[in-house]
Protein backbone atom coordinates (compact mmCIF):
# COMPACT_ATOMS: atom_id res chain seq x y z
CA MET A 1 -24.09 73.78 -49.01
CA ALA A 2 -22.48 70.70 -50.59
CA ALA A 3 -22.55 67.68 -48.35
CA PRO A 4 -25.76 65.65 -47.73
CA LEU A 5 -26.95 66.88 -43.81
CA THR A 6 -28.78 64.64 -41.20
CA GLU A 7 -29.86 66.90 -38.69
CA PRO A 8 -33.37 66.13 -37.74
CA ASP A 9 -34.36 69.42 -36.77
CA LEU A 10 -33.07 70.86 -40.03
CA LEU A 11 -36.04 70.68 -43.15
CA ILE A 12 -33.34 69.75 -46.32
CA GLU A 13 -34.34 70.12 -50.05
CA PRO A 14 -32.15 69.77 -52.60
CA LEU A 15 -31.20 73.29 -54.72
CA LEU A 16 -30.16 72.15 -58.46
CA GLU A 17 -28.17 69.48 -59.92
CA GLU A 18 -24.86 68.88 -61.41
CA GLN A 19 -22.99 67.52 -63.43
CA LEU A 20 -18.96 66.95 -62.34
CA TYR A 21 -16.54 66.25 -65.21
CA LEU A 22 -13.29 64.39 -65.27
CA VAL A 23 -10.80 66.36 -67.13
CA GLY A 24 -7.54 65.34 -68.77
CA PRO A 25 -4.47 66.13 -70.94
CA VAL A 26 -5.44 64.83 -74.61
CA GLY A 27 -3.88 61.48 -74.78
CA CYS A 28 -5.04 59.97 -71.67
CA GLY A 29 -7.43 57.89 -72.49
CA LEU A 30 -11.00 59.51 -71.94
CA ARG A 31 -14.05 60.35 -74.32
CA SER A 32 -16.40 63.08 -74.21
CA ASN A 33 -18.81 60.46 -75.93
CA GLN A 34 -18.23 57.61 -72.98
CA PRO A 35 -19.11 57.49 -69.54
CA ILE A 36 -16.82 57.05 -66.97
CA SER A 37 -17.72 55.48 -63.70
CA LEU A 38 -16.30 56.23 -60.84
CA ASP A 39 -14.76 52.99 -59.42
CA ASP A 40 -12.34 53.70 -62.49
CA VAL A 41 -12.22 57.12 -61.74
CA ALA A 42 -10.68 55.67 -58.53
CA ASP A 43 -7.33 54.35 -60.09
CA CYS A 44 -6.24 57.83 -61.30
CA LYS A 45 -4.38 60.45 -59.16
CA LEU A 46 -6.60 63.25 -59.48
CA ILE A 47 -5.83 67.22 -58.76
CA LEU A 48 -8.52 68.62 -56.40
CA THR A 49 -8.74 70.83 -53.67
CA PRO A 50 -7.75 70.49 -50.41
CA ARG A 51 -10.53 69.59 -47.15
CA PRO A 52 -12.26 70.86 -45.77
CA ASP A 53 -13.92 72.14 -49.15
CA GLY A 54 -17.56 71.05 -50.01
CA LEU A 55 -16.61 69.33 -53.35
CA ARG A 56 -13.93 67.78 -52.05
CA THR A 57 -15.84 66.48 -49.37
CA LEU A 58 -18.55 64.91 -51.54
CA ILE A 59 -16.65 63.33 -53.97
CA GLU A 60 -14.66 61.71 -51.04
CA ALA A 61 -17.81 60.43 -49.44
CA GLU A 62 -19.07 59.16 -52.97
CA PHE A 63 -15.53 57.40 -53.27
CA ALA A 64 -16.31 55.93 -49.66
CA ARG A 65 -19.86 54.68 -50.42
CA ILE A 66 -18.53 52.47 -52.97
CA GLY A 67 -15.93 51.62 -50.93
CA ARG A 68 -12.97 52.92 -53.17
CA ARG A 69 -9.76 55.50 -51.74
CA ILE A 70 -9.43 58.97 -53.92
CA LYS A 71 -5.69 58.74 -54.79
CA VAL A 72 -4.72 62.25 -54.67
CA ALA A 73 -1.60 63.85 -57.47
CA VAL A 74 -2.30 67.28 -55.80
CA GLU A 75 -4.07 69.63 -53.88
CA THR A 76 -4.62 72.81 -54.37
CA GLU A 77 -6.66 75.84 -54.26
CA TYR A 78 -4.82 78.10 -56.55
CA ALA A 79 -2.51 76.94 -58.53
CA PRO A 80 -4.64 76.55 -62.76
CA MET A 81 -5.61 73.91 -63.22
CA ALA A 82 -5.45 73.70 -66.61
CA ASP A 83 -1.69 74.09 -66.91
CA LEU A 84 -1.40 71.12 -63.65
CA ILE A 85 -3.87 68.57 -66.13
CA ARG A 86 -1.51 69.81 -69.52
CA GLY A 87 1.93 69.41 -67.40
CA LYS A 88 0.02 65.74 -66.17
CA VAL A 89 0.47 65.98 -62.87
CA GLY A 90 -2.82 64.29 -61.73
């Protein structure tokens, strides 16, 4: 499951941890050798999968945790993300 669960009658054990990456077009100001804070990401328009996707739910929960809201440029399941990024949609 992608989102944290709070179920009193279930034992929940993390299966794995993975890194998430922010991807932007060349010249957008991202640097691979410098981390970016979630607060800084909150100022960016993002290309995301639509709700109720598990990753989308997780990202929204993390933004809520820091008191910020996601700025959604596009919601898509099927569009080639790389083309949208190159086109500076988000």
